[in-house]
Amino acid sequence: QLHLTMSEKNELTKSLEMVQKEVQEKESEIKKEIAEYKERQLQAEKEHRDALTEAKQKNEVEIEACQDKMNSLEHFISSQELEIEHLKSNKEELSNSLREANQTLGELLKAKVR
């Protein structure tokens, strides 16, 4: 009876050791997978941050280019407005000169007719 019990105990001990070994192997495998997932997650987060940084920089460059273009257009508009005012002033002066010339011409024609 004792021999049978000892034999069963040995079998159970071996069986327990095998189960414990399998559990340890499974635990090690799971830890490895978790580490791999964490590494992939960190890599994905880094790639996401890099993409955001790149997009932000690209947008800043585009915004700056648009602001430069807008400033250039505002300067152009201002210069055109000044040119329009100058041309209006010249037109007024020419109209006055023409009016005076016509008046003088009229007076000269009247004087010639007499």
C-alpha atoms as a PDB file:
ATOM      1  CA  GLN A   1       0.000   0.000   0.000  1.00  0.00           C
ATOM      2  CA  LEU A   2       2.817   2.367   0.971  1.00  0.00           C
ATOM      3  CA  HIS A   3       4.656   1.561  -2.230  1.00  0.00           C
ATOM      4  CA  LEU A   4       1.532   2.281  -4.307  1.00  0.00           C
ATOM      5  CA  THR A   5       0.955   5.549  -2.474  1.00  0.00           C
ATOM      6  CA  MET A   6       4.564   6.599  -2.969  1.00  0.00           C
ATOM      7  CA  SER A   7       4.299   5.743  -6.657  1.00  0.00           C
ATOM      8  CA  GLU A   8       1.113   7.834  -6.991  1.00  0.00           C
ATOM      9  CA  LYS A   9       2.806  10.666  -5.104  1.00  0.00           C
ATOM     10  CA  ASN A  10       5.768  10.546  -7.495  1.00  0.00           C
ATOM     11  CA  GLU A  11       3.448  10.569 -10.499  1.00  0.00           C
ATOM     12  CA  LEU A  12       1.465  13.487  -9.047  1.00  0.00           C
ATOM     13  CA  THR A  13       4.705  15.339  -8.281  1.00  0.00           C
ATOM     14  CA  LYS A  14       5.927  14.824 -11.853  1.00  0.00           C
ATOM     15  CA  SER A  15       2.531  15.870 -13.166  1.00  0.00           C
ATOM     16  CA  LEU A  16       2.558  18.981 -10.954  1.00  0.00           C
ATOM     17  CA  GLU A  17       6.083  19.857 -12.085  1.00  0.00           C
ATOM     18  CA  MET A  18       5.031  19.494 -15.720  1.00  0.00           C
ATOM     19  CA  VAL A  19       1.981  21.723 -15.132  1.00  0.00           C
ATOM     20  CA  GLN A  20       4.132  24.292 -13.307  1.00  0.00           C
ATOM     21  CA  LYS A  21       6.651  24.237 -16.164  1.00  0.00           C
ATOM     22  CA  GLU A  22       3.857  24.721 -18.718  1.00  0.00           C
ATOM     23  CA  VAL A  23       2.442  27.600 -16.636  1.00  0.00           C
ATOM     24  CA  GLN A  24       5.889  29.231 -16.448  1.00  0.00           C
ATOM     25  CA  GLU A  25       6.394  28.804 -20.183  1.00  0.00           C
ATOM     26  CA  LYS A  26       2.955  30.253 -20.883  1.00  0.00           C
ATOM     27  CA  GLU A  27       3.617  33.145 -18.473  1.00  0.00           C
ATOM     28  CA  SER A  28       6.967  33.828 -20.152  1.00  0.00           C
ATOM     29  CA  GLU A  29       5.308  33.716 -23.577  1.00  0.00           C
ATOM     30  CA  ILE A  30       2.551  36.112 -22.461  1.00  0.00           C
ATOM     31  CA  LYS A  31       5.104  38.511 -20.944  1.00  0.00           C
ATOM     32  CA  LYS A  32       7.051  38.456 -24.206  1.00  0.00           C
ATOM     33  CA  GLU A  33       3.878  39.204 -26.209  1.00  0.00           C
ATOM     34  CA  ILE A  34       2.973  42.042 -23.828  1.00  0.00           C
ATOM     35  CA  ALA A  35       6.466  43.519 -24.241  1.00  0.00           C
ATOM     36  CA  GLU A  36       6.136  43.253 -28.044  1.00  0.00           C
ATOM     37  CA  TYR A  37       2.699  44.935 -27.979  1.00  0.00           C
ATOM     38  CA  LYS A  38       4.032  47.726 -25.768  1.00  0.00           C
ATOM     39  CA  GLU A  39       6.976  48.236 -28.117  1.00  0.00           C
ATOM     40  CA  ARG A  40       4.633  48.385 -31.121  1.00  0.00           C
ATOM     41  CA  GLN A  41       2.371  50.800 -29.249  1.00  0.00           C
ATOM     42  CA  LEU A  42       5.329  53.065 -28.423  1.00  0.00           C
ATOM     43  CA  GLN A  43       6.482  52.943 -32.055  1.00  0.00           C
ATOM     44  CA  ALA A  44       2.975  53.775 -33.299  1.00  0.00           C
ATOM     45  CA  GLU A  45       2.735  56.688 -30.835  1.00  0.00           C
ATOM     46  CA  LYS A  46       6.147  57.975 -31.977  1.00  0.00           C
ATOM     47  CA  GLU A  47       5.128  57.735 -35.642  1.00  0.00           C
ATOM     48  CA  HIS A  48       1.874  59.544 -34.820  1.00  0.00           C
ATOM     49  CA  ARG A  49       3.750  62.338 -32.982  1.00  0.00           C
ATOM     50  CA  ASP A  50       6.234  62.635 -35.846  1.00  0.00           C
ATOM     51  CA  ALA A  51       3.412  62.853 -38.391  1.00  0.00           C
ATOM     52  CA  LEU A  52       1.653  65.515 -36.304  1.00  0.00           C
ATOM     53  CA  THR A  53       4.874  67.505 -35.953  1.00  0.00           C
ATOM     54  CA  GLU A  54       5.514  67.296 -39.689  1.00  0.00           C
ATOM     55  CA  ALA A  55       1.945  68.338 -40.506  1.00  0.00           C
ATOM     56  CA  LYS A  56       2.158  71.224 -38.041  1.00  0.00           C
ATOM     57  CA  GLN A  57       5.422  72.448 -39.561  1.00  0.00           C
ATOM     58  CA  LYS A  58       3.995  72.148 -43.070  1.00  0.00           C
ATOM     59  CA  ASN A  59       0.914  74.116 -42.017  1.00  0.00           C
ATOM     60  CA  GLU A  60       3.065  76.800 -40.398  1.00  0.00           C
ATOM     61  CA  VAL A  61       5.075  77.160 -43.619  1.00  0.00           C
ATOM     62  CA  GLU A  62       1.868  77.379 -45.663  1.00  0.00           C
ATOM     63  CA  ILE A  63       0.383  79.930 -43.245  1.00  0.00           C
ATOM     64  CA  GLU A  64       3.539  82.030 -43.425  1.00  0.00           C
ATOM     65  CA  ALA A  65       3.507  81.869 -47.240  1.00  0.00           C
ATOM     66  CA  CYS A  66      -0.157  82.926 -47.274  1.00  0.00           C
ATOM     67  CA  GLN A  67       0.552  85.788 -44.871  1.00  0.00           C
ATOM     68  CA  ASP A  68       3.449  86.933 -47.055  1.00  0.00           C
ATOM     69  CA  LYS A  69       1.235  86.784 -50.135  1.00  0.00           C
ATOM     70  CA  MET A  70      -1.540  88.657 -48.314  1.00  0.00           C
ATOM     71  CA  ASN A  71       0.918  91.358 -47.184  1.00  0.00           C
ATOM     72  CA  SER A  72       2.237  91.637 -50.723  1.00  0.00           C
ATOM     73  CA  LEU A  73      -1.299  91.985 -52.092  1.00  0.00           C
ATOM     74  CA  GLU A  74      -2.177  94.598 -49.459  1.00  0.00           C
ATOM     75  CA  HIS A  75       0.935  96.565 -50.425  1.00  0.00           C
ATOM     76  CA  PHE A  76       0.018  96.248 -54.100  1.00  0.00           C
ATOM     77  CA  ILE A  77      -3.540  97.445 -53.380  1.00  0.00           C
ATOM     78  CA  SER A  78      -2.217 100.422 -51.424  1.00  0.00           C
ATOM     79  CA  SER A  79       0.147 101.371 -54.229  1.00  0.00           C
ATOM     80  CA  GLN A  80      -2.698 101.020 -56.757  1.00  0.00           C
ATOM     81  CA  GLU A  81      -4.953 103.219 -54.607  1.00  0.00           C
ATOM     82  CA  LEU A  82      -2.212 105.850 -54.454  1.00  0.00           C
ATOM     83  CA  GLU A  83      -1.779 105.605 -58.225  1.00  0.00           C
ATOM     84  CA  ILE A  84      -5.546 106.027 -58.705  1.00  0.00           C
ATOM     85  CA  GLU A  85      -5.521 109.132 -56.493  1.00  0.00           C
ATOM     86  CA  HIS A  86      -2.547 110.498 -58.434  1.00  0.00           C
ATOM     87  CA  LEU A  87      -4.290 109.831 -61.752  1.00  0.00           C
ATOM     88  CA  LYS A  88      -7.503 111.491 -60.486  1.00  0.00           C
ATOM     89  CA  SER A  89      -5.482 114.517 -59.457  1.00  0.00           C
ATOM     90  CA  ASN A  90      -3.743 114.651 -62.860  1.00  0.00           C
ATOM     91  CA  LYS A  91      -7.106 114.271 -64.603  1.00  0.00           C
ATOM     92  CA  GLU A  92      -8.498 117.183 -62.585  1.00  0.00           C
ATOM     93  CA  GLU A  93      -5.458 119.334 -63.432  1.00  0.00           C
ATOM     94  CA  LEU A  94      -5.713 118.406 -67.124  1.00  0.00           C
ATOM     95  CA  SER A  95      -9.460 119.141 -67.123  1.00  0.00           C
ATOM     96  CA  ASN A  96      -8.804 122.559 -65.590  1.00  0.00           C
ATOM     97  CA  SER A  97      -6.000 123.256 -68.089  1.00  0.00           C
ATOM     98  CA  LEU A  98      -8.222 122.165 -70.967  1.00  0.00           C
ATOM     99  CA  ARG A  99     -11.067 124.351 -69.710  1.00  0.00           C
ATOM    100  CA  GLU A 100      -8.698 127.332 -69.455  1.00  0.00           C
ATOM    101  CA  ALA A 101      -7.245 126.603 -72.908  1.00  0.00           C
ATOM    102  CA  ASN A 102     -10.723 126.382 -74.427  1.00  0.00           C
ATOM    103  CA  GLN A 103     -11.690 129.608 -72.700  1.00  0.00           C
ATOM    104  CA  THR A 104      -8.555 131.349 -73.987  1.00  0.00           C
ATOM    105  CA  LEU A 105      -9.159 129.920 -77.459  1.00  0.00           C
ATOM    106  CA  GLY A 106     -12.714 131.205 -77.366  1.00  0.00           C
ATOM    107  CA  GLU A 107     -11.538 134.638 -76.341  1.00  0.00           C
ATOM    108  CA  LEU A 108      -8.910 134.663 -79.086  1.00  0.00           C
ATOM    109  CA  LEU A 109     -11.461 133.615 -81.682  1.00  0.00           C
ATOM    110  CA  LYS A 110     -13.804 136.394 -80.542  1.00  0.00           C
ATOM    111  CA  ALA A 111     -10.955 138.869 -80.707  1.00  0.00           C
ATOM    112  CA  LYS A 112     -10.016 137.682 -84.186  1.00  0.00           C
ATOM    113  CA  VAL A 113     -13.584 137.934 -85.459  1.00  0.00           C
ATOM    114  CA  ARG A 114     -13.821 141.594 -84.379  1.00  0.00           C
END
